[in-house]
């Protein structure tokens, strides 16, 4: 089984920035089909976010659900390589799930899934600054209820971030999907979604109108990624910031949104805007700070799409 290349180096957490992150969501095996070539490597959107944060020097714990089979062993090794700690209840699945990603000629991926999501509980550390979830974990029962309960508890002391990362074949229809997603949006302080996600959930509505509508549900910041068209961010204080995409040669888009999400969390962390006590301040983030965070996110995502697989950069690669 081929593995995603390990980063060349790791960097310890920035000095003077205490606290830790928790990511809740699926860890699985990506089976990437590119023409006649088939490769397997650990994946899953939330796990990719955890890896991305670890490579940016953050202390990260992952609450997930996979088995002790061969595929589970590959996930263990992948997480250990970057120092991501896995919660004890995470390794009790009957088998490790898979996601088959079929690449088109332009590097875009379409997915089919074979997995269970039944995480029984989530532990919250005393020093948590941020809790992230999204993707399949936020919509698939029975584990979805565990995710919602954990996000509700976490919001009392930590920033909650969310990326719906919509998997349409698991949601049946947009109306149902929007209902499930917006339950999580209501619990979140920061939401990141692609324009494709917003268009599908909005059933043809202008993605920016759906984005504005989500701000009314409670988040302080909602960010829409638009692939090669860049990023649009909106805040509860009425600020809008638009940032162009990084210009790179695309190898594939696997993990691009996840690495952007890692960069967004990391950037707000550096800006001192994480933690429940900074919630109102987060909503009042100034344009220069938000632009600086988003430009770095675009750089991080650009590096990820320039190479194969979900392989986010390290701090040393960012200079």
Protein backbone atom coordinates (compact mmCIF):
# COMPACT_ATOMS: atom_id res chain seq x y z
CA UNK A 1 0.00 0.00 0.00
CA UNK A 2 1.49 3.37 -0.99
CA UNK A 3 1.54 6.09 1.66
CA UNK A 4 1.28 9.86 1.53
CA UNK A 5 4.86 11.20 1.80
CA UNK A 6 5.90 12.23 5.29
CA UNK A 7 6.77 15.88 5.83
CA UNK A 8 10.46 16.66 5.69
CA UNK A 9 10.48 18.25 9.12
CA UNK A 10 8.25 19.13 12.05
CA UNK A 11 8.18 22.29 14.11
CA UNK A 12 7.16 22.53 17.74
CA UNK A 13 4.27 24.74 18.81
CA UNK A 14 4.94 28.50 18.66
CA UNK A 15 6.23 29.85 21.94
CA UNK A 16 3.83 31.93 24.01
CA UNK A 17 0.74 30.34 22.45
CA UNK A 18 -0.52 27.73 24.93
CA UNK A 19 -3.55 25.52 24.52
CA UNK A 20 -4.55 22.60 22.39
CA UNK A 21 -6.93 21.67 19.59
CA UNK A 22 -9.40 18.80 19.34
CA UNK A 23 -10.66 17.50 16.00
CA UNK A 24 -13.73 15.25 15.93
CA UNK A 25 -14.45 13.19 12.83
CA UNK A 26 -13.71 10.34 10.51
CA UNK A 27 -10.36 8.72 9.83
CA UNK A 28 -10.40 6.27 6.95
CA UNK A 29 -8.44 4.96 4.00
CA UNK A 30 -8.56 6.91 0.75
CA UNK A 31 -8.45 4.66 -2.28
CA UNK A 32 -7.35 6.98 -5.10
CA UNK A 33 -8.18 5.87 -8.62
CA UNK A 34 -6.29 7.81 -11.30
CA UNK A 35 -6.88 6.16 -14.63
CA UNK A 36 -5.41 2.66 -14.34
CA UNK A 37 -3.47 3.55 -11.18
CA UNK A 38 -4.84 2.74 -7.71
CA UNK A 39 -3.18 3.91 -4.49
CA UNK A 40 -4.27 3.72 -0.85
CA UNK A 41 -3.38 6.11 1.95
CA UNK A 42 -4.92 7.37 5.22
CA UNK A 43 -7.47 10.15 4.81
CA UNK A 44 -10.76 11.60 5.95
CA UNK A 45 -11.40 15.33 6.09
CA UNK A 46 -11.24 15.79 9.89
CA UNK A 47 -8.10 13.67 10.19
CA UNK A 48 -6.52 15.74 7.43
CA UNK A 49 -7.31 18.90 9.41
CA UNK A 50 -5.66 17.38 12.50
CA UNK A 51 -2.56 16.46 10.49
CA UNK A 52 -2.45 19.94 8.99
CA UNK A 53 -2.59 21.58 12.42
CA UNK A 54 0.12 19.28 13.75
CA UNK A 55 2.39 20.17 10.84
CA UNK A 56 1.82 23.83 11.67
CA UNK A 57 3.15 23.17 15.15
CA UNK A 58 -0.08 22.83 17.14
CA UNK A 59 -0.87 20.24 19.81
CA UNK A 60 -3.77 18.22 18.44
CA UNK A 61 -5.99 15.41 19.69
CA UNK A 62 -8.31 13.44 17.41
CA UNK A 63 -11.60 11.78 18.39
CA UNK A 64 -12.43 9.38 15.58
CA UNK A 65 -13.65 5.85 14.79
CA UNK A 66 -11.68 3.09 13.07
CA UNK A 67 -10.70 -0.53 13.55
CA UNK A 68 -7.61 -2.45 14.62
CA UNK A 69 -7.30 -4.10 11.19
CA UNK A 70 -4.49 -3.51 8.68
CA UNK A 71 -6.05 -0.29 7.48
CA UNK A 72 -6.35 0.89 11.07
CA UNK A 73 -2.68 0.19 11.59
CA UNK A 74 -1.87 2.43 8.62
CA UNK A 75 -3.92 5.22 10.22
CA UNK A 76 -2.11 4.75 13.54
CA UNK A 77 1.26 5.09 11.84
CA UNK A 78 0.13 8.14 9.87
CA UNK A 79 -1.07 9.98 12.97
CA UNK A 80 1.94 9.00 15.07
CA UNK A 81 4.28 10.38 12.42
CA UNK A 82 2.96 13.90 13.04
CA UNK A 83 2.30 13.56 16.76
CA UNK A 84 -1.51 13.61 16.67
CA UNK A 85 -2.91 11.96 19.82
CA UNK A 86 -5.92 9.67 19.34
CA UNK A 87 -8.58 9.46 22.04
CA UNK A 88 -8.96 6.05 23.67
CA UNK A 89 -12.51 5.37 22.48
CA UNK A 90 -11.56 5.88 18.82
CA UNK A 91 -10.22 2.42 17.91
CA UNK A 92 -13.30 0.28 18.56
CA UNK A 93 -14.90 0.10 15.12
CA UNK A 94 -15.51 -3.36 13.66
CA UNK A 95 -13.55 -2.30 10.58
CA UNK A 96 -11.80 0.73 9.14
CA UNK A 97 -13.81 2.66 6.57
CA UNK A 98 -12.74 3.56 3.05
CA UNK A 99 -13.38 6.44 0.65
CA UNK A 100 -12.75 5.80 -3.02
CA UNK A 101 -11.65 8.99 -4.79
CA UNK A 102 -11.77 8.89 -8.58
CA UNK A 103 -9.69 11.63 -10.20
CA UNK A 104 -10.80 13.40 -13.35
CA UNK A 105 -8.38 14.76 -15.92
CA UNK A 106 -8.24 18.17 -14.18
CA UNK A 107 -7.36 16.63 -10.81
CA UNK A 108 -10.84 17.04 -9.32
CA UNK A 109 -11.95 14.11 -7.15
CA UNK A 110 -15.35 12.42 -6.77
CA UNK A 111 -15.95 10.10 -3.81
CA UNK A 112 -17.82 6.97 -2.78
CA UNK A 113 -17.79 5.78 0.84
CA UNK A 114 -17.88 2.51 2.78
CA UNK A 115 -17.75 3.22 6.51
CA UNK A 116 -19.52 3.27 9.85
CA UNK A 117 -19.50 6.24 12.25
CA UNK A 118 -20.40 5.29 15.81
CA UNK A 119 -18.06 7.26 18.07
CA UNK A 120 -19.49 6.70 21.59
CA UNK A 121 -18.08 9.71 23.46
CA UNK A 122 -15.64 12.62 23.28
CA UNK A 123 -13.34 13.83 26.05
CA UNK A 124 -12.59 17.57 26.31
CA UNK A 125 -9.18 18.56 27.69
CA UNK A 126 -8.91 21.38 30.20
CA UNK A 127 -6.67 23.51 27.96
CA UNK A 128 -8.75 23.35 24.78
CA UNK A 129 -8.81 26.54 22.71
CA UNK A 130 -10.58 25.16 19.66
CA UNK A 131 -12.70 22.17 18.68
CA UNK A 132 -13.22 21.36 15.01
CA UNK A 133 -15.59 18.97 13.27
CA UNK A 134 -17.34 18.49 9.97
CA UNK A 135 -17.74 16.30 6.92
CA UNK A 136 -19.32 12.84 7.33
CA UNK A 137 -19.00 12.91 11.13
CA UNK A 138 -21.50 15.76 11.40
CA UNK A 139 -24.22 14.12 9.30
CA UNK A 140 -23.96 10.32 9.69
CA UNK A 141 -25.75 8.57 12.55
CA UNK A 142 -25.29 7.32 15.18
CA UNK A 143 -22.05 9.20 15.77
CA UNK A 144 -23.54 12.51 14.63
CA UNK A 145 -25.37 12.88 17.94
CA UNK A 146 -22.10 12.44 19.80
CA UNK A 147 -20.55 15.19 17.67
CA UNK A 148 -23.39 17.63 18.32
CA UNK A 149 -23.27 16.99 22.07
CA UNK A 150 -19.49 17.49 22.15
CA UNK A 151 -19.65 20.72 20.16
CA UNK A 152 -22.30 22.04 22.53
CA UNK A 153 -20.12 21.31 25.55
CA UNK A 154 -16.99 22.64 23.90
CA UNK A 155 -18.57 25.97 23.05
CA UNK A 156 -18.72 26.92 26.74
CA UNK A 157 -14.95 27.40 26.86
CA UNK A 158 -13.50 26.95 23.35
CA UNK A 159 -13.95 28.24 19.82
CA UNK A 160 -15.95 25.81 17.67
CA UNK A 161 -15.03 25.54 13.98
CA UNK A 162 -16.97 23.63 11.33
CA UNK A 163 -16.58 22.57 7.70
CA UNK A 164 -19.60 20.72 6.26
CA UNK A 165 -17.49 19.29 3.41
CA UNK A 166 -20.70 17.94 1.91
CA UNK A 167 -20.79 14.35 0.66
CA UNK A 168 -23.94 14.39 -1.46
CA UNK A 169 -24.24 10.63 -1.89
CA UNK A 170 -24.63 10.29 1.91
CA UNK A 171 -27.17 13.10 2.38
CA UNK A 172 -29.92 12.00 -0.02
CA UNK A 173 -31.22 15.49 -0.86
CA UNK A 174 -30.25 19.15 -0.31
CA UNK A 175 -33.16 19.98 2.00
CA UNK A 176 -32.23 17.20 4.42
CA UNK A 177 -28.54 18.06 4.09
CA UNK A 178 -29.12 21.71 4.86
CA UNK A 179 -31.14 20.85 7.96
CA UNK A 180 -28.36 18.62 9.30
CA UNK A 181 -25.58 21.04 8.39
CA UNK A 182 -27.30 24.07 9.86
CA UNK A 183 -27.66 22.32 13.22
CA UNK A 184 -23.85 22.37 13.32
CA UNK A 185 -23.59 25.89 11.92
CA UNK A 186 -25.67 27.10 14.90
CA UNK A 187 -23.06 25.64 17.27
CA UNK A 188 -20.05 27.06 15.45
CA UNK A 189 -18.06 30.28 15.78
CA UNK A 190 -16.18 29.82 12.50
CA UNK A 191 -17.56 28.04 9.43
CA UNK A 192 -15.66 27.26 6.23
CA UNK A 193 -17.48 25.87 3.20
CA UNK A 194 -16.86 25.59 -0.53
CA UNK A 195 -19.00 27.39 -3.09
CA UNK A 196 -20.07 23.96 -4.38
CA UNK A 197 -21.29 22.97 -0.90
CA UNK A 198 -23.23 26.22 -0.51
CA UNK A 199 -24.76 25.96 -3.99
CA UNK A 200 -25.92 22.38 -3.43
CA UNK A 201 -27.30 23.03 0.05
CA UNK A 202 -28.98 26.23 -1.20
CA UNK A 203 -30.64 24.34 -4.07
CA UNK A 204 -29.40 26.78 -6.68
CA UNK A 205 -29.41 29.93 -4.54
CA UNK A 206 -26.48 32.32 -4.82
CA UNK A 207 -23.76 30.79 -2.59
CA UNK A 208 -22.97 34.21 -1.11
CA UNK A 209 -26.60 34.60 -0.02
CA UNK A 210 -26.45 31.21 1.70
CA UNK A 211 -23.18 32.32 3.32
CA UNK A 212 -24.82 35.52 4.63
CA UNK A 213 -27.77 33.52 5.88
CA UNK A 214 -25.46 31.32 7.93
CA UNK A 215 -24.07 34.38 9.71
CA UNK A 216 -27.57 35.00 11.07
CA UNK A 217 -27.47 31.56 12.74
CA UNK A 218 -24.67 32.54 15.13
CA UNK A 219 -21.15 32.14 13.66
CA UNK A 220 -18.77 35.08 13.94
CA UNK A 221 -16.92 34.28 10.71
CA UNK A 222 -18.10 32.37 7.62
CA UNK A 223 -15.56 31.69 4.87
CA UNK A 224 -16.39 30.46 1.37
CA UNK A 225 -13.65 28.90 -0.76
CA UNK A 226 -14.10 29.08 -4.54
CA UNK A 227 -11.26 26.98 -5.88
CA UNK A 228 -9.28 28.96 -8.44
CA UNK A 229 -11.56 31.98 -7.91
CA UNK A 230 -10.26 32.62 -4.40
CA UNK A 231 -11.99 33.17 -1.07
CA UNK A 232 -14.84 35.28 0.33
CA UNK A 233 -15.02 35.83 4.10
CA UNK A 234 -17.86 37.50 5.99
CA UNK A 235 -18.08 38.42 9.66
CA UNK A 236 -20.92 39.05 12.08
CA UNK A 237 -19.73 42.67 12.30
CA UNK A 238 -20.48 43.20 8.59
CA UNK A 239 -16.96 42.92 7.21
CA UNK A 240 -16.37 41.25 3.83
CA UNK A 241 -12.89 40.30 2.60
CA UNK A 242 -12.01 38.75 -0.78
CA UNK A 243 -8.66 37.09 -1.42
CA UNK A 244 -7.45 35.55 -4.72
CA UNK A 245 -6.31 31.96 -4.93
CA UNK A 246 -2.63 31.09 -5.06
CA UNK A 247 -1.42 30.41 -8.61
CA UNK A 248 -0.03 26.88 -8.75
CA UNK A 249 0.08 23.87 -11.04
CA UNK A 250 -2.55 21.47 -9.71
CA UNK A 251 -1.56 17.84 -9.15
CA UNK A 252 -4.90 17.01 -7.51
CA UNK A 253 -7.34 18.70 -5.14
CA UNK A 254 -7.42 15.97 -2.47
CA UNK A 255 -7.15 17.60 0.96
CA UNK A 256 -7.06 21.19 -0.33
CA UNK A 257 -10.05 22.37 1.70
CA UNK A 258 -8.80 20.52 4.78
CA UNK A 259 -5.40 22.20 4.67
CA UNK A 260 -7.13 25.56 4.20
CA UNK A 261 -9.19 24.81 7.31
CA UNK A 262 -6.05 23.96 9.28
CA UNK A 263 -4.53 27.23 8.17
CA UNK A 264 -7.64 29.16 9.18
CA UNK A 265 -7.63 27.71 12.69
CA UNK A 266 -3.88 28.26 12.99
CA UNK A 267 -4.12 31.85 11.76
CA UNK A 268 -6.88 32.78 14.20
CA UNK A 269 -4.85 31.07 16.94
CA UNK A 270 -1.82 33.21 16.14
CA UNK A 271 -4.05 36.32 16.11
CA UNK A 272 -5.17 35.52 19.69
CA UNK A 273 -8.82 35.07 18.68
CA UNK A 274 -9.48 31.53 19.89
CA UNK A 275 -11.26 30.57 23.10
CA UNK A 276 -14.81 31.39 24.17
CA UNK A 277 -13.64 34.53 25.94
CA UNK A 278 -12.59 35.96 22.54
CA UNK A 279 -15.87 35.16 20.75
CA UNK A 280 -17.06 38.77 20.44
CA UNK A 281 -13.57 39.93 19.49
CA UNK A 282 -13.51 37.27 16.77
CA UNK A 283 -16.66 38.76 15.26
CA UNK A 284 -14.96 42.16 15.20
CA UNK A 285 -11.76 40.95 13.51
CA UNK A 286 -10.27 43.77 11.43
CA UNK A 287 -9.83 43.55 7.68
CA UNK A 288 -6.04 43.55 7.67
CA UNK A 289 -5.85 40.65 10.13
CA UNK A 290 -8.49 38.62 8.33
CA UNK A 291 -6.84 39.21 4.96
CA UNK A 292 -3.46 38.15 6.33
CA UNK A 293 -4.96 34.94 7.73
CA UNK A 294 -6.77 34.13 4.47
CA UNK A 295 -3.74 34.80 2.27
CA UNK A 296 -1.73 32.34 4.34
CA UNK A 297 -4.58 29.81 4.11
CA UNK A 298 -4.52 30.16 0.32
CA UNK A 299 -0.77 29.60 0.30
CA UNK A 300 -1.18 26.46 2.43
CA UNK A 301 -3.94 25.10 0.18
CA UNK A 302 -1.90 25.96 -2.90
CA UNK A 303 1.05 23.91 -1.68
CA UNK A 304 -1.29 21.00 -0.95
CA UNK A 305 -2.86 20.95 -4.44
CA UNK A 306 0.56 21.22 -6.07
CA UNK A 307 1.43 17.69 -4.93
CA UNK A 308 -0.40 14.39 -4.88
CA UNK A 309 -2.72 13.43 -2.04
CA UNK A 310 -3.66 15.11 1.22
CA UNK A 311 -0.13 16.22 2.07
CA UNK A 312 -0.28 19.63 3.82
CA UNK A 313 2.84 21.72 4.37
CA UNK A 314 4.89 22.14 7.52
CA UNK A 315 5.88 25.46 9.08
CA UNK A 316 9.35 25.12 7.59
CA UNK A 317 7.86 24.92 4.08
CA UNK A 318 5.98 28.17 4.62
CA UNK A 319 9.16 30.06 5.40
